[in-house]
Amino acid sequence: MKEFEPSPDFAARVMTAVRAEVQSHVLSDPWLVVTLSTPLRWSLAFGGAVMTLVNLFRMLASVFAPALCG
């Protein structure tokens, strides 16, 4: 079997075609539009970071200052 070597711009052409195909489909479902939105993803990430810091503070406070947890 011969070795197959793709052209240098193969990946770029394929990804361009994929992006064009995705762009051609309009998201008609409002639920998908909301759940795939960038502001929602950023707010969920920020909220998770805030909750992580709050819980980290609570864990450290329970070790170093048990009176704060009561």
PDB file of N, CA and C in Angstrom:
ATOM      1  N   MET A   1       0.836  -1.184   0.000  1.00  0.00           N
ATOM      2  CA  MET A   1       0.000   0.000   0.000  1.00  0.00           C
ATOM      3  C   MET A   1       0.880   1.246   0.000  1.00  0.00           C
ATOM      4  N   LYS A   2       0.547   2.173  -0.869  1.00  0.00           N
ATOM      5  CA  LYS A   2       1.309   3.406  -0.939  1.00  0.00           C
ATOM      6  C   LYS A   2       1.035   4.272   0.283  1.00  0.00           C
ATOM      7  N   GLU A   3       2.052   5.008   0.679  1.00  0.00           N
ATOM      8  CA  GLU A   3       1.837   5.957   1.766  1.00  0.00           C
ATOM      9  C   GLU A   3       1.048   7.142   1.241  1.00  0.00           C
ATOM     10  N   PHE A   4       0.107   7.573   2.038  1.00  0.00           N
ATOM     11  CA  PHE A   4      -0.737   8.709   1.660  1.00  0.00           C
ATOM     12  C   PHE A   4      -0.250   9.936   2.385  1.00  0.00           C
ATOM     13  N   GLU A   5      -0.004  10.971   1.658  1.00  0.00           N
ATOM     14  CA  GLU A   5       0.403  12.231   2.274  1.00  0.00           C
ATOM     15  C   GLU A   5      -0.566  13.316   1.811  1.00  0.00           C
ATOM     16  N   PRO A   6      -1.351  13.880   2.754  1.00  0.00           N
ATOM     17  CA  PRO A   6      -2.322  14.908   2.361  1.00  0.00           C
ATOM     18  C   PRO A   6      -1.622  16.193   1.962  1.00  0.00           C
ATOM     19  N   SER A   7      -2.344  16.999   1.236  1.00  0.00           N
ATOM     20  CA  SER A   7      -1.787  18.287   0.831  1.00  0.00           C
ATOM     21  C   SER A   7      -1.593  19.163   2.067  1.00  0.00           C
ATOM     22  N   PRO A   8      -0.687  20.125   1.996  1.00  0.00           N
ATOM     23  CA  PRO A   8      -0.384  20.952   3.174  1.00  0.00           C
ATOM     24  C   PRO A   8      -1.578  21.729   3.711  1.00  0.00           C
ATOM     25  N   ASP A   9      -2.495  22.121   2.851  1.00  0.00           N
ATOM     26  CA  ASP A   9      -3.629  22.924   3.316  1.00  0.00           C
ATOM     27  C   ASP A   9      -4.893  22.088   3.524  1.00  0.00           C
ATOM     28  N   PHE A  10      -4.744  20.783   3.657  1.00  0.00           N
ATOM     29  CA  PHE A  10      -5.902  19.891   3.793  1.00  0.00           C
ATOM     30  C   PHE A  10      -6.728  20.231   5.044  1.00  0.00           C
ATOM     31  N   ALA A  11      -6.068  20.345   6.183  1.00  0.00           N
ATOM     32  CA  ALA A  11      -6.789  20.619   7.432  1.00  0.00           C
ATOM     33  C   ALA A  11      -7.485  21.978   7.376  1.00  0.00           C
ATOM     34  N   ALA A  12      -6.840  22.959   6.801  1.00  0.00           N
ATOM     35  CA  ALA A  12      -7.446  24.290   6.707  1.00  0.00           C
ATOM     36  C   ALA A  12      -8.674  24.258   5.807  1.00  0.00           C
ATOM     37  N   ARG A  13      -8.594  23.540   4.684  1.00  0.00           N
ATOM     38  CA  ARG A  13      -9.739  23.454   3.790  1.00  0.00           C
ATOM     39  C   ARG A  13     -10.898  22.718   4.448  1.00  0.00           C
ATOM     40  N   VAL A  14     -10.589  21.638   5.154  1.00  0.00           N
ATOM     41  CA  VAL A  14     -11.651  20.865   5.811  1.00  0.00           C
ATOM     42  C   VAL A  14     -12.321  21.704   6.895  1.00  0.00           C
ATOM     43  N   MET A  15     -11.530  22.382   7.716  1.00  0.00           N
ATOM     44  CA  MET A  15     -12.113  23.187   8.786  1.00  0.00           C
ATOM     45  C   MET A  15     -12.920  24.351   8.221  1.00  0.00           C
ATOM     46  N   THR A  16     -12.487  24.932   7.116  1.00  0.00           N
ATOM     47  CA  THR A  16     -13.260  25.996   6.483  1.00  0.00           C
ATOM     48  C   THR A  16     -14.598  25.465   5.994  1.00  0.00           C
ATOM     49  N   ALA A  17     -14.570  24.265   5.416  1.00  0.00           N
ATOM     50  CA  ALA A  17     -15.816  23.656   4.949  1.00  0.00           C
ATOM     51  C   ALA A  17     -16.744  23.325   6.106  1.00  0.00           C
ATOM     52  N   VAL A  18     -16.187  22.847   7.213  1.00  0.00           N
ATOM     53  CA  VAL A  18     -16.999  22.522   8.381  1.00  0.00           C
ATOM     54  C   VAL A  18     -17.630  23.782   8.953  1.00  0.00           C
ATOM     55  N   ARG A  19     -16.844  24.842   9.095  1.00  0.00           N
ATOM     56  CA  ARG A  19     -17.393  26.104   9.608  1.00  0.00           C
ATOM     57  C   ARG A  19     -18.495  26.645   8.713  1.00  0.00           C
ATOM     58  N   ALA A  20     -18.300  26.553   7.407  1.00  0.00           N
ATOM     59  CA  ALA A  20     -19.326  27.025   6.476  1.00  0.00           C
ATOM     60  C   ALA A  20     -20.599  26.204   6.613  1.00  0.00           C
ATOM     61  N   GLU A  21     -20.465  24.907   6.803  1.00  0.00           N
ATOM     62  CA  GLU A  21     -21.642  24.043   6.969  1.00  0.00           C
ATOM     63  C   GLU A  21     -22.391  24.387   8.255  1.00  0.00           C
ATOM     64  N   VAL A  22     -21.650  24.611   9.317  1.00  0.00           N
ATOM     65  CA  VAL A  22     -22.284  24.953  10.595  1.00  0.00           C
ATOM     66  C   VAL A  22     -22.961  26.316  10.503  1.00  0.00           C
ATOM     67  N   GLN A  23     -22.301  27.275   9.863  1.00  0.00           N
ATOM     68  CA  GLN A  23     -22.877  28.613   9.722  1.00  0.00           C
ATOM     69  C   GLN A  23     -24.143  28.597   8.872  1.00  0.00           C
ATOM     70  N   SER A  24     -24.235  27.644   7.941  1.00  0.00           N
ATOM     71  CA  SER A  24     -25.392  27.606   7.058  1.00  0.00           C
ATOM     72  C   SER A  24     -26.655  27.132   7.780  1.00  0.00           C
ATOM     73  N   HIS A  25     -26.477  26.414   8.878  1.00  0.00           N
ATOM     74  CA  HIS A  25     -27.634  25.954   9.648  1.00  0.00           C
ATOM     75  C   HIS A  25     -27.973  27.002  10.703  1.00  0.00           C
ATOM     76  N   VAL A  26     -29.159  27.503  10.647  1.00  0.00           N
ATOM     77  CA  VAL A  26     -29.596  28.514  11.607  1.00  0.00           C
ATOM     78  C   VAL A  26     -30.177  27.787  12.819  1.00  0.00           C
ATOM     79  N   LEU A  27     -29.743  28.200  13.998  1.00  0.00           N
ATOM     80  CA  LEU A  27     -30.290  27.607  15.214  1.00  0.00           C
ATOM     81  C   LEU A  27     -31.700  28.154  15.421  1.00  0.00           C
ATOM     82  N   SER A  28     -32.677  27.313  15.170  1.00  0.00           N
ATOM     83  CA  SER A  28     -34.056  27.770  15.280  1.00  0.00           C
ATOM     84  C   SER A  28     -34.619  27.552  16.681  1.00  0.00           C
ATOM     85  N   ASP A  29     -33.991  26.701  17.449  1.00  0.00           N
ATOM     86  CA  ASP A  29     -34.476  26.408  18.792  1.00  0.00           C
ATOM     87  C   ASP A  29     -33.955  27.468  19.756  1.00  0.00           C
ATOM     88  N   PRO A  30     -34.840  28.239  20.394  1.00  0.00           N
ATOM     89  CA  PRO A  30     -34.358  29.295  21.304  1.00  0.00           C
ATOM     90  C   PRO A  30     -33.589  28.733  22.502  1.00  0.00           C
ATOM     91  N   TRP A  31     -33.923  27.531  22.931  1.00  0.00           N
ATOM     92  CA  TRP A  31     -33.205  26.931  24.063  1.00  0.00           C
ATOM     93  C   TRP A  31     -31.741  26.723  23.703  1.00  0.00           C
ATOM     94  N   LEU A  32     -31.467  26.272  22.483  1.00  0.00           N
ATOM     95  CA  LEU A  32     -30.083  26.087  22.054  1.00  0.00           C
ATOM     96  C   LEU A  32     -29.360  27.417  21.930  1.00  0.00           C
ATOM     97  N   VAL A  33     -30.052  28.426  21.463  1.00  0.00           N
ATOM     98  CA  VAL A  33     -29.430  29.737  21.320  1.00  0.00           C
ATOM     99  C   VAL A  33     -29.000  30.267  22.683  1.00  0.00           C
ATOM    100  N   VAL A  34     -29.848  30.073  23.689  1.00  0.00           N
ATOM    101  CA  VAL A  34     -29.520  30.563  25.037  1.00  0.00           C
ATOM    102  C   VAL A  34     -28.419  29.723  25.661  1.00  0.00           C
ATOM    103  N   THR A  35     -28.535  28.397  25.576  1.00  0.00           N
ATOM    104  CA  THR A  35     -27.558  27.546  26.258  1.00  0.00           C
ATOM    105  C   THR A  35     -26.194  27.557  25.597  1.00  0.00           C
ATOM    106  N   LEU A  36     -26.119  27.884  24.326  1.00  0.00           N
ATOM    107  CA  LEU A  36     -24.833  27.935  23.641  1.00  0.00           C
ATOM    108  C   LEU A  36     -24.250  29.349  23.588  1.00  0.00           C
ATOM    109  N   SER A  37     -24.894  30.291  24.261  1.00  0.00           N
ATOM    110  CA  SER A  37     -24.427  31.675  24.186  1.00  0.00           C
ATOM    111  C   SER A  37     -23.156  31.866  25.009  1.00  0.00           C
ATOM    112  N   THR A  38     -22.322  32.757  24.544  1.00  0.00           N
ATOM    113  CA  THR A  38     -21.060  33.044  25.225  1.00  0.00           C
ATOM    114  C   THR A  38     -21.271  33.710  26.585  1.00  0.00           C
ATOM    115  N   PRO A  39     -22.197  34.679  26.743  1.00  0.00           N
ATOM    116  CA  PRO A  39     -22.371  35.277  28.067  1.00  0.00           C
ATOM    117  C   PRO A  39     -22.801  34.261  29.124  1.00  0.00           C
ATOM    118  N   LEU A  40     -23.630  33.310  28.755  1.00  0.00           N
ATOM    119  CA  LEU A  40     -24.041  32.289  29.719  1.00  0.00           C
ATOM    120  C   LEU A  40     -22.852  31.432  30.135  1.00  0.00           C
ATOM    121  N   ARG A  41     -22.033  31.043  29.179  1.00  0.00           N
ATOM    122  CA  ARG A  41     -20.863  30.223  29.521  1.00  0.00           C
ATOM    123  C   ARG A  41     -19.899  30.981  30.421  1.00  0.00           C
ATOM    124  N   TRP A  42     -19.682  32.273  30.126  1.00  0.00           N
ATOM    125  CA  TRP A  42     -18.790  33.075  30.966  1.00  0.00           C
ATOM    126  C   TRP A  42     -19.369  33.264  32.372  1.00  0.00           C
ATOM    127  N   SER A  43     -20.675  33.497  32.456  1.00  0.00           N
ATOM    128  CA  SER A  43     -21.277  33.703  33.775  1.00  0.00           C
ATOM    129  C   SER A  43     -21.241  32.406  34.591  1.00  0.00           C
ATOM    130  N   LEU A  44     -21.443  31.262  33.950  1.00  0.00           N
ATOM    131  CA  LEU A  44     -21.342  29.994  34.676  1.00  0.00           C
ATOM    132  C   LEU A  44     -19.916  29.739  35.159  1.00  0.00           C
ATOM    133  N   ALA A  45     -18.946  30.055  34.324  1.00  0.00           N
ATOM    134  CA  ALA A  45     -17.550  29.882  34.733  1.00  0.00           C
ATOM    135  C   ALA A  45     -17.202  30.823  35.888  1.00  0.00           C
ATOM    136  N   PHE A  46     -17.648  32.070  35.794  1.00  0.00           N
ATOM    137  CA  PHE A  46     -17.380  33.040  36.864  1.00  0.00           C
ATOM    138  C   PHE A  46     -18.084  32.623  38.154  1.00  0.00           C
ATOM    139  N   GLY A  47     -19.331  32.169  38.033  1.00  0.00           N
ATOM    140  CA  GLY A  47     -20.060  31.716  39.214  1.00  0.00           C
ATOM    141  C   GLY A  47     -19.391  30.519  39.873  1.00  0.00           C
ATOM    142  N   GLY A  48     -18.894  29.601  39.066  1.00  0.00           N
ATOM    143  CA  GLY A  48     -18.175  28.454  39.616  1.00  0.00           C
ATOM    144  C   GLY A  48     -16.901  28.874  40.330  1.00  0.00           C
ATOM    145  N   ALA A  49     -16.201  29.856  39.771  1.00  0.00           N
ATOM    146  CA  ALA A  49     -14.980  30.346  40.416  1.00  0.00           C
ATOM    147  C   ALA A  49     -15.297  31.015  41.745  1.00  0.00           C
ATOM    148  N   VAL A  50     -16.365  31.803  41.784  1.00  0.00           N
ATOM    149  CA  VAL A  50     -16.758  32.465  43.031  1.00  0.00           C
ATOM    150  C   VAL A  50     -17.148  31.431  44.081  1.00  0.00           C
ATOM    151  N   MET A  51     -17.939  30.448  43.695  1.00  0.00           N
ATOM    152  CA  MET A  51     -18.346  29.414  44.651  1.00  0.00           C
ATOM    153  C   MET A  51     -17.144  28.617  45.146  1.00  0.00           C
ATOM    154  N   THR A  52     -16.175  28.387  44.277  1.00  0.00           N
ATOM    155  CA  THR A  52     -14.959  27.691  44.697  1.00  0.00           C
ATOM    156  C   THR A  52     -14.215  28.494  45.754  1.00  0.00           C
ATOM    157  N   LEU A  53     -14.086  29.799  45.540  1.00  0.00           N
ATOM    158  CA  LEU A  53     -13.400  30.643  46.525  1.00  0.00           C
ATOM    159  C   LEU A  53     -14.163  30.696  47.842  1.00  0.00           C
ATOM    160  N   VAL A  54     -15.486  30.758  47.784  1.00  0.00           N
ATOM    161  CA  VAL A  54     -16.294  30.774  49.017  1.00  0.00           C
ATOM    162  C   VAL A  54     -16.097  29.476  49.774  1.00  0.00           C
ATOM    163  N   ASN A  55     -16.163  28.357  49.086  1.00  0.00           N
ATOM    164  CA  ASN A  55     -15.996  27.073  49.770  1.00  0.00           C
ATOM    165  C   ASN A  55     -14.575  26.883  50.277  1.00  0.00           C
ATOM    166  N   LEU A  56     -13.592  27.393  49.562  1.00  0.00           N
ATOM    167  CA  LEU A  56     -12.216  27.324  50.038  1.00  0.00           C
ATOM    168  C   LEU A  56     -12.062  28.120  51.329  1.00  0.00           C
ATOM    169  N   PHE A  57     -12.661  29.300  51.369  1.00  0.00           N
ATOM    170  CA  PHE A  57     -12.625  30.106  52.590  1.00  0.00           C
ATOM    171  C   PHE A  57     -13.311  29.370  53.748  1.00  0.00           C
ATOM    172  N   ARG A  58     -14.453  28.741  53.471  1.00  0.00           N
ATOM    173  CA  ARG A  58     -15.167  28.004  54.517  1.00  0.00           C
ATOM    174  C   ARG A  58     -14.331  26.849  55.045  1.00  0.00           C
ATOM    175  N   MET A  59     -13.655  26.122  54.148  1.00  0.00           N
ATOM    176  CA  MET A  59     -12.827  25.002  54.608  1.00  0.00           C
ATOM    177  C   MET A  59     -11.648  25.486  55.436  1.00  0.00           C
ATOM    178  N   LEU A  60     -10.984  26.554  54.979  1.00  0.00           N
ATOM    179  CA  LEU A  60      -9.860  27.083  55.745  1.00  0.00           C
ATOM    180  C   LEU A  60     -10.329  27.648  57.079  1.00  0.00           C
ATOM    181  N   ALA A  61     -11.487  28.280  57.103  1.00  0.00           N
ATOM    182  CA  ALA A  61     -12.006  28.827  58.352  1.00  0.00           C
ATOM    183  C   ALA A  61     -12.362  27.714  59.324  1.00  0.00           C
ATOM    184  N   SER A  62     -12.851  26.589  58.814  1.00  0.00           N
ATOM    185  CA  SER A  62     -13.200  25.497  59.720  1.00  0.00           C
ATOM    186  C   SER A  62     -11.963  24.886  60.357  1.00  0.00           C
ATOM    187  N   VAL A  63     -10.828  24.968  59.676  1.00  0.00           N
ATOM    188  CA  VAL A  63      -9.596  24.429  60.242  1.00  0.00           C
ATOM    189  C   VAL A  63      -8.951  25.419  61.198  1.00  0.00           C
ATOM    190  N   PHE A  64      -8.851  26.673  60.793  1.00  0.00           N
ATOM    191  CA  PHE A  64      -8.109  27.645  61.575  1.00  0.00           C
ATOM    192  C   PHE A  64      -8.955  28.458  62.556  1.00  0.00           C
ATOM    193  N   ALA A  65     -10.245  28.539  62.351  1.00  0.00           N
ATOM    194  CA  ALA A  65     -11.090  29.312  63.253  1.00  0.00           C
ATOM    195  C   ALA A  65     -12.451  28.634  63.360  1.00  0.00           C
ATOM    196  N   PRO A  66     -12.552  27.565  64.135  1.00  0.00           N
ATOM    197  CA  PRO A  66     -13.816  26.831  64.223  1.00  0.00           C
ATOM    198  C   PRO A  66     -14.977  27.685  64.738  1.00  0.00           C
ATOM    199  N   ALA A  67     -14.705  28.761  65.432  1.00  0.00           N
ATOM    200  CA  ALA A  67     -15.776  29.604  65.942  1.00  0.00           C
ATOM    201  C   ALA A  67     -16.534  30.307  64.800  1.00  0.00           C
ATOM    202  N   LEU A  68     -15.886  30.503  63.647  1.00  0.00           N
ATOM    203  CA  LEU A  68     -16.546  31.163  62.535  1.00  0.00           C
ATOM    204  C   LEU A  68     -17.562  30.263  61.855  1.00  0.00           C
ATOM    205  N   CYS A  69     -17.425  28.968  62.004  1.00  0.00           N
ATOM    206  CA  CYS A  69     -18.312  28.032  61.283  1.00  0.00           C
ATOM    207  C   CYS A  69     -19.639  27.809  61.996  1.00  0.00           C
ATOM    208  N   GLY A  70     -19.696  28.094  63.237  1.00  0.00           N
ATOM    209  CA  GLY A  70     -20.861  27.784  64.039  1.00  0.00           C
ATOM    210  C   GLY A  70     -22.004  28.659  63.728  1.00  0.00           C
TER     211      GLY A  70
END
